[in-house]
C-alpha atoms as a PDB file:
ATOM      1  CA  MET A   1     -70.416  45.607  39.734  1.00  0.00           C
ATOM      2  CA  ALA A   2     -71.729  43.038  42.183  1.00  0.00           C
ATOM      3  CA  THR A   3     -71.020  39.463  41.222  1.00  0.00           C
ATOM      4  CA  GLU A   4     -72.305  36.129  42.412  1.00  0.00           C
ATOM      5  CA  ALA A   5     -70.196  33.284  41.071  1.00  0.00           C
ATOM      6  CA  LEU A   6     -71.707  30.033  42.232  1.00  0.00           C
ATOM      7  CA  GLY A   7     -68.837  27.939  40.875  1.00  0.00           C
ATOM      8  CA  GLN A   8     -68.737  24.532  42.519  1.00  0.00           C
ATOM      9  CA  ALA A   9     -72.110  25.005  44.214  1.00  0.00           C
ATOM     10  CA  GLY A  10     -73.741  25.006  40.769  1.00  0.00           C
ATOM     11  CA  TYR A  11     -71.497  22.235  39.495  1.00  0.00           C
ATOM     12  CA  ALA A  12     -72.317  19.235  41.734  1.00  0.00           C
ATOM     13  CA  GLY A  13     -69.118  17.374  40.828  1.00  0.00           C
ATOM     14  CA  GLU A  14     -69.930  15.817  37.426  1.00  0.00           C
ATOM     15  CA  ASP A  15     -67.031  15.456  35.002  1.00  0.00           C
ATOM     16  CA  ILE A  16     -68.728  17.404  32.187  1.00  0.00           C
ATOM     17  CA  ILE A  17     -71.614  19.877  32.136  1.00  0.00           C
ATOM     18  CA  ARG A  18     -73.234  21.848  29.279  1.00  0.00           C
ATOM     19  CA  VAL A  19     -73.283  25.636  29.754  1.00  0.00           C
ATOM     20  CA  PHE A  20     -74.142  28.913  28.053  1.00  0.00           C
ATOM     21  CA  PHE A  21     -74.255  32.632  28.892  1.00  0.00           C
ATOM     22  CA  ALA A  22     -77.729  34.188  28.845  1.00  0.00           C
ATOM     23  CA  ILE A  23     -80.093  36.791  30.203  1.00  0.00           C
ATOM     24  CA  TRP A  24     -83.341  35.881  31.975  1.00  0.00           C
ATOM     25  CA  PRO A  25     -86.490  38.029  31.996  1.00  0.00           C
ATOM     26  CA  ASP A  26     -88.125  39.240  35.168  1.00  0.00           C
ATOM     27  CA  ALA A  27     -91.605  37.949  36.080  1.00  0.00           C
ATOM     28  CA  ALA A  28     -93.500  40.719  34.237  1.00  0.00           C
ATOM     29  CA  VAL A  29     -91.598  40.259  30.953  1.00  0.00           C
ATOM     30  CA  ARG A  30     -91.799  36.469  31.267  1.00  0.00           C
ATOM     31  CA  LYS A  31     -95.596  36.748  31.615  1.00  0.00           C
ATOM     32  CA  GLN A  32     -95.794  38.892  28.456  1.00  0.00           C
ATOM     33  CA  LEU A  33     -93.675  36.393  26.535  1.00  0.00           C
ATOM     34  CA  LEU A  34     -95.859  33.487  27.678  1.00  0.00           C
ATOM     35  CA  GLU A  35     -98.945  35.415  26.548  1.00  0.00           C
ATOM     36  CA  MET A  36     -97.207  36.000  23.220  1.00  0.00           C
ATOM     37  CA  ALA A  37     -96.678  32.242  22.820  1.00  0.00           C
ATOM     38  CA  SER A  38    -100.344  31.605  23.614  1.00  0.00           C
ATOM     39  CA  GLY A  39    -101.288  34.246  21.044  1.00  0.00           C
ATOM     40  CA  LEU A  40     -99.252  32.459  18.383  1.00  0.00           C
ATOM     41  CA  GLN A  41    -101.322  29.347  18.991  1.00  0.00           C
ATOM     42  CA  ARG A  42    -104.651  31.203  19.117  1.00  0.00           C
ATOM     43  CA  ASN A  43    -104.201  33.833  16.438  1.00  0.00           C
ATOM     44  CA  SER A  44    -101.550  32.515  14.055  1.00  0.00           C
ATOM     45  CA  GLY A  45    -102.392  28.825  13.920  1.00  0.00           C
ATOM     46  CA  CYS A  46     -99.039  27.710  15.329  1.00  0.00           C
ATOM     47  CA  THR A  47     -98.806  24.314  16.952  1.00  0.00           C
ATOM     48  CA  GLY A  48     -95.954  22.983  19.076  1.00  0.00           C
ATOM     49  CA  ARG A  49     -94.577  22.869  22.598  1.00  0.00           C
ATOM     50  CA  ARG A  50     -94.603  26.184  24.412  1.00  0.00           C
ATOM     51  CA  MET A  51     -91.507  26.905  26.463  1.00  0.00           C
ATOM     52  CA  LYS A  52     -91.828  26.410  30.210  1.00  0.00           C
ATOM     53  CA  ALA A  53     -92.014  29.743  32.013  1.00  0.00           C
ATOM     54  CA  GLU A  54     -88.788  29.090  33.938  1.00  0.00           C
ATOM     55  CA  ASN A  55     -86.885  28.285  30.724  1.00  0.00           C
ATOM     56  CA  ILE A  56     -87.631  31.454  28.749  1.00  0.00           C
ATOM     57  CA  HIS A  57     -84.371  33.328  28.140  1.00  0.00           C
ATOM     58  CA  LEU A  58     -82.178  35.015  25.555  1.00  0.00           C
ATOM     59  CA  THR A  59     -78.865  33.272  24.869  1.00  0.00           C
ATOM     60  CA  LEU A  60     -75.799  35.497  24.703  1.00  0.00           C
ATOM     61  CA  VAL A  61     -73.137  32.894  23.913  1.00  0.00           C
ATOM     62  CA  PHE A  62     -73.465  29.120  23.793  1.00  0.00           C
ATOM     63  CA  VAL A  63     -70.319  27.449  25.152  1.00  0.00           C
ATOM     64  CA  GLY A  64     -71.141  23.722  25.208  1.00  0.00           C
ATOM     65  CA  ASN A  65     -69.596  20.980  27.295  1.00  0.00           C
ATOM     66  CA  VAL A  66     -67.032  21.980  29.923  1.00  0.00           C
ATOM     67  CA  ASP A  67     -65.172  20.247  32.738  1.00  0.00           C
ATOM     68  CA  HIS A  68     -64.501  21.664  36.217  1.00  0.00           C
ATOM     69  CA  ASP A  69     -61.406  23.597  35.106  1.00  0.00           C
ATOM     70  CA  GLY A  70     -63.273  24.988  32.104  1.00  0.00           C
ATOM     71  CA  LEU A  71     -66.116  26.126  34.338  1.00  0.00           C
ATOM     72  CA  GLU A  72     -63.701  27.931  36.655  1.00  0.00           C
ATOM     73  CA  ALA A  73     -62.022  29.579  33.658  1.00  0.00           C
ATOM     74  CA  LEU A  74     -65.398  30.750  32.316  1.00  0.00           C
ATOM     75  CA  CYS A  75     -66.363  32.220  35.705  1.00  0.00           C
ATOM     76  CA  HIS A  76     -62.979  33.943  35.943  1.00  0.00           C
ATOM     77  CA  ALA A  77     -63.387  35.390  32.424  1.00  0.00           C
ATOM     78  CA  ALA A  78     -66.888  36.606  33.298  1.00  0.00           C
ATOM     79  CA  GLU A  79     -65.531  38.273  36.444  1.00  0.00           C
ATOM     80  CA  GLY A  80     -63.075  40.167  34.265  1.00  0.00           C
ATOM     81  CA  ILE A  81     -65.864  41.393  31.992  1.00  0.00           C
ATOM     82  CA  ALA A  82     -68.023  42.371  34.980  1.00  0.00           C
ATOM     83  CA  ARG A  83     -65.152  44.478  36.372  1.00  0.00           C
ATOM     84  CA  THR A  84     -65.247  46.623  33.209  1.00  0.00           C
ATOM     85  CA  GLY A  85     -68.554  48.048  34.475  1.00  0.00           C
ATOM     86  CA  ARG A  86     -70.953  46.877  31.781  1.00  0.00           C
ATOM     87  CA  PRO A  87     -74.047  49.121  31.709  1.00  0.00           C
ATOM     88  CA  SER A  88     -77.577  47.811  32.070  1.00  0.00           C
ATOM     89  CA  PHE A  89     -79.642  48.132  28.902  1.00  0.00           C
ATOM     90  CA  GLU A  90     -83.116  47.835  27.453  1.00  0.00           C
ATOM     91  CA  LEU A  91     -84.367  45.293  24.941  1.00  0.00           C
ATOM     92  CA  VAL A  92     -87.452  46.088  22.904  1.00  0.00           C
ATOM     93  CA  ILE A  93     -89.053  42.925  21.566  1.00  0.00           C
ATOM     94  CA  GLN A  94     -91.106  43.934  18.527  1.00  0.00           C
ATOM     95  CA  GLU A  95     -91.669  40.946  16.272  1.00  0.00           C
ATOM     96  CA  THR A  96     -92.343  37.234  16.104  1.00  0.00           C
ATOM     97  CA  GLY A  97     -91.027  34.789  13.552  1.00  0.00           C
ATOM     98  CA  TYR A  98     -90.682  31.141  12.652  1.00  0.00           C
ATOM     99  CA  TRP A  99     -87.677  29.088  11.585  1.00  0.00           C
ATOM    100  CA  LYS A 100     -89.128  26.191   9.634  1.00  0.00           C
ATOM    101  CA  ARG A 101     -85.874  24.227   9.481  1.00  0.00           C
ATOM    102  CA  ASN A 102     -85.419  24.325  13.289  1.00  0.00           C
ATOM    103  CA  ARG A 103     -89.175  24.268  13.975  1.00  0.00           C
ATOM    104  CA  ILE A 104     -88.895  27.202  16.378  1.00  0.00           C
ATOM    105  CA  ALA A 105     -91.369  30.061  16.862  1.00  0.00           C
ATOM    106  CA  TYR A 106     -89.608  33.011  18.451  1.00  0.00           C
ATOM    107  CA  ALA A 107     -89.751  36.632  19.527  1.00  0.00           C
ATOM    108  CA  ALA A 108     -87.069  39.064  18.344  1.00  0.00           C
ATOM    109  CA  LEU A 109     -85.775  42.633  18.307  1.00  0.00           C
ATOM    110  CA  HIS A 110     -85.793  45.042  15.366  1.00  0.00           C
ATOM    111  CA  GLU A 111     -82.441  46.410  16.461  1.00  0.00           C
ATOM    112  CA  ILE A 112     -79.711  44.978  18.646  1.00  0.00           C
ATOM    113  CA  PRO A 113     -78.748  47.546  21.314  1.00  0.00           C
ATOM    114  CA  PRO A 114     -75.030  48.457  21.264  1.00  0.00           C
ATOM    115  CA  ALA A 115     -74.633  47.337  24.915  1.00  0.00           C
ATOM    116  CA  LEU A 116     -75.935  43.850  24.017  1.00  0.00           C
ATOM    117  CA  LYS A 117     -73.583  43.623  21.000  1.00  0.00           C
ATOM    118  CA  GLU A 118     -70.640  44.696  23.142  1.00  0.00           C
ATOM    119  CA  LEU A 119     -71.423  42.189  25.918  1.00  0.00           C
ATOM    120  CA  VAL A 120     -71.754  39.333  23.415  1.00  0.00           C
ATOM    121  CA  GLY A 121     -68.517  40.457  21.709  1.00  0.00           C
ATOM    122  CA  GLN A 122     -66.613  40.579  25.002  1.00  0.00           C
ATOM    123  CA  LEU A 123     -67.911  37.159  26.005  1.00  0.00           C
ATOM    124  CA  GLY A 124     -66.936  35.729  22.636  1.00  0.00           C
ATOM    125  CA  LYS A 125     -63.381  37.055  22.894  1.00  0.00           C
ATOM    126  CA  ALA A 126     -63.094  35.852  26.493  1.00  0.00           C
ATOM    127  CA  ILE A 127     -64.211  32.297  25.769  1.00  0.00           C
ATOM    128  CA  GLU A 128     -61.974  32.067  22.699  1.00  0.00           C
ATOM    129  CA  ALA A 129     -59.032  33.248  24.808  1.00  0.00           C
ATOM    130  CA  ILE A 130     -59.526  30.275  27.126  1.00  0.00           C
ATOM    131  CA  GLY A 131     -59.887  27.760  24.313  1.00  0.00           C
ATOM    132  CA  TYR A 132     -63.596  27.596  23.445  1.00  0.00           C
ATOM    133  CA  SER A 133     -64.973  28.668  20.087  1.00  0.00           C
ATOM    134  CA  MET A 134     -67.830  30.941  19.125  1.00  0.00           C
ATOM    135  CA  GLU A 135     -70.463  29.942  16.594  1.00  0.00           C
ATOM    136  CA  ALA A 136     -69.384  31.071  13.127  1.00  0.00           C
ATOM    137  CA  ARG A 137     -72.793  32.468  12.169  1.00  0.00           C
ATOM    138  CA  ALA A 138     -73.828  36.053  12.916  1.00  0.00           C
ATOM    139  CA  TYR A 139     -75.478  36.651  16.278  1.00  0.00           C
ATOM    140  CA  LYS A 140     -79.279  36.836  15.932  1.00  0.00           C
ATOM    141  CA  PRO A 141     -80.775  37.376  19.377  1.00  0.00           C
ATOM    142  CA  HIS A 142     -84.142  35.692  19.815  1.00  0.00           C
ATOM    143  CA  ILE A 143     -86.343  34.278  22.543  1.00  0.00           C
ATOM    144  CA  THR A 144     -87.678  30.811  21.762  1.00  0.00           C
ATOM    145  CA  LEU A 145     -91.417  30.697  22.461  1.00  0.00           C
ATOM    146  CA  MET A 146     -92.268  27.271  20.975  1.00  0.00           C
ATOM    147  CA  ARG A 147     -90.288  24.191  19.984  1.00  0.00           C
ATOM    148  CA  ASP A 148     -91.323  21.463  17.539  1.00  0.00           C
ATOM    149  CA  ALA A 149     -93.466  24.213  16.064  1.00  0.00           C
ATOM    150  CA  VAL A 150     -95.416  24.228  12.847  1.00  0.00           C
ATOM    151  CA  CYS A 151     -96.568  27.698  11.855  1.00  0.00           C
ATOM    152  CA  PRO A 152     -97.950  29.330   8.767  1.00  0.00           C
ATOM    153  CA  ALA A 153     -95.500  31.902   7.401  1.00  0.00           C
ATOM    154  CA  LEU A 154     -94.969  33.980  10.506  1.00  0.00           C
ATOM    155  CA  HIS A 155     -93.082  37.237  10.610  1.00  0.00           C
ATOM    156  CA  ARG A 156     -95.081  40.008  12.115  1.00  0.00           C
ATOM    157  CA  GLN A 157     -94.875  43.144  14.172  1.00  0.00           C
ATOM    158  CA  ILE A 158     -96.237  42.929  17.703  1.00  0.00           C
ATOM    159  CA  GLU A 159     -96.993  45.309  20.529  1.00  0.00           C
ATOM    160  CA  PRO A 160     -93.517  46.083  21.910  1.00  0.00           C
ATOM    161  CA  VAL A 161     -92.367  44.334  25.078  1.00  0.00           C
ATOM    162  CA  VAL A 162     -89.738  46.309  26.981  1.00  0.00           C
ATOM    163  CA  TRP A 163     -87.207  44.271  28.956  1.00  0.00           C
ATOM    164  CA  GLU A 164     -84.824  46.026  31.358  1.00  0.00           C
ATOM    165  CA  VAL A 165     -81.687  43.876  31.443  1.00  0.00           C
ATOM    166  CA  ARG A 166     -79.842  44.226  34.738  1.00  0.00           C
ATOM    167  CA  GLU A 167     -77.815  41.002  34.924  1.00  0.00           C
ATOM    168  CA  TRP A 168     -76.368  38.150  32.883  1.00  0.00           C
ATOM    169  CA  LEU A 169     -75.764  34.562  33.849  1.00  0.00           C
ATOM    170  CA  LEU A 170     -73.707  31.477  33.151  1.00  0.00           C
ATOM    171  CA  VAL A 171     -76.250  28.673  33.019  1.00  0.00           C
ATOM    172  CA  ARG A 172     -76.050  24.899  33.154  1.00  0.00           C
ATOM    173  CA  SER A 173     -78.338  22.940  30.804  1.00  0.00           C
ATOM    174  CA  GLU A 174     -79.319  19.458  31.948  1.00  0.00           C
ATOM    175  CA  GLN A 175     -81.566  16.974  30.132  1.00  0.00           C
ATOM    176  CA  THR A 176     -83.950  15.185  32.522  1.00  0.00           C
ATOM    177  CA  ARG A 177     -86.966  12.913  32.074  1.00  0.00           C
ATOM    178  CA  GLU A 178     -89.169  15.977  32.608  1.00  0.00           C
ATOM    179  CA  GLY A 179     -87.307  17.946  29.937  1.00  0.00           C
ATOM    180  CA  VAL A 180     -84.459  20.440  29.977  1.00  0.00           C
ATOM    181  CA  VAL A 181     -83.644  22.087  33.309  1.00  0.00           C
ATOM    182  CA  TYR A 182     -81.570  25.279  33.437  1.00  0.00           C
ATOM    183  CA  SER A 183     -79.619  26.186  36.601  1.00  0.00           C
ATOM    184  CA  PRO A 184     -77.515  29.315  37.187  1.00  0.00           C
ATOM    185  CA  VAL A 185     -73.820  28.674  37.777  1.00  0.00           C
ATOM    186  CA  GLY A 186     -72.794  32.334  37.955  1.00  0.00           C
ATOM    187  CA  ARG A 187     -74.569  35.696  37.932  1.00  0.00           C
ATOM    188  CA  TRP A 188     -73.139  39.141  37.193  1.00  0.00           C
ATOM    189  CA  LEU A 189     -74.982  42.420  37.670  1.00  0.00           C
ATOM    190  CA  LEU A 190     -74.977  45.229  35.141  1.00  0.00           C
ATOM    191  CA  GLY A 191     -74.646  48.888  36.119  1.00  0.00           C
ATOM    192  CA  THR A 192     -76.861  51.806  35.266  1.00  0.00           C
ATOM    193  CA  PRO A 193     -77.169  52.865  31.602  1.00  0.00           C
ATOM    194  CA  GLU A 194     -74.456  55.203  30.385  1.00  0.00           C
END
């Protein structure tokens, strides 16, 4: 599988950066997700901050703060996973929901595809092997649509959005005055479905 590890180019020399593994939607899926967020405000009475278009993603594994050596180790681990020939896969987003405690309105899947579970599992094992820990709670894939949200009870079926996942990324998260900025540090392509 083709790989693009940006390594130091995406690092810029700081001592510590905050990173996570994720998948990013293409322009068509991103547009549908933005329309979904607008629909939550119009049709469901949700209020809050809609995600910026460029920040919409699905987190695979959150790593946290890493130094330069940690970043290199993560890229190396990801290379090893990419060499196993991970297949591309399809996500079908079929529902919206609201987590009152976190004040997040989100889109989600009815079922987690086996290829997504396997990729998350491999990433988890790889990062634990190099000294980072996985979150203890069960993996619940979701796409945040709104933050600081207040919604009436929201858990509903929606018109399915089909997302063809063809790559995964290691992403840097940086807090700026304009808000959070995400920058790819590494990118790994997925193969064709098995």
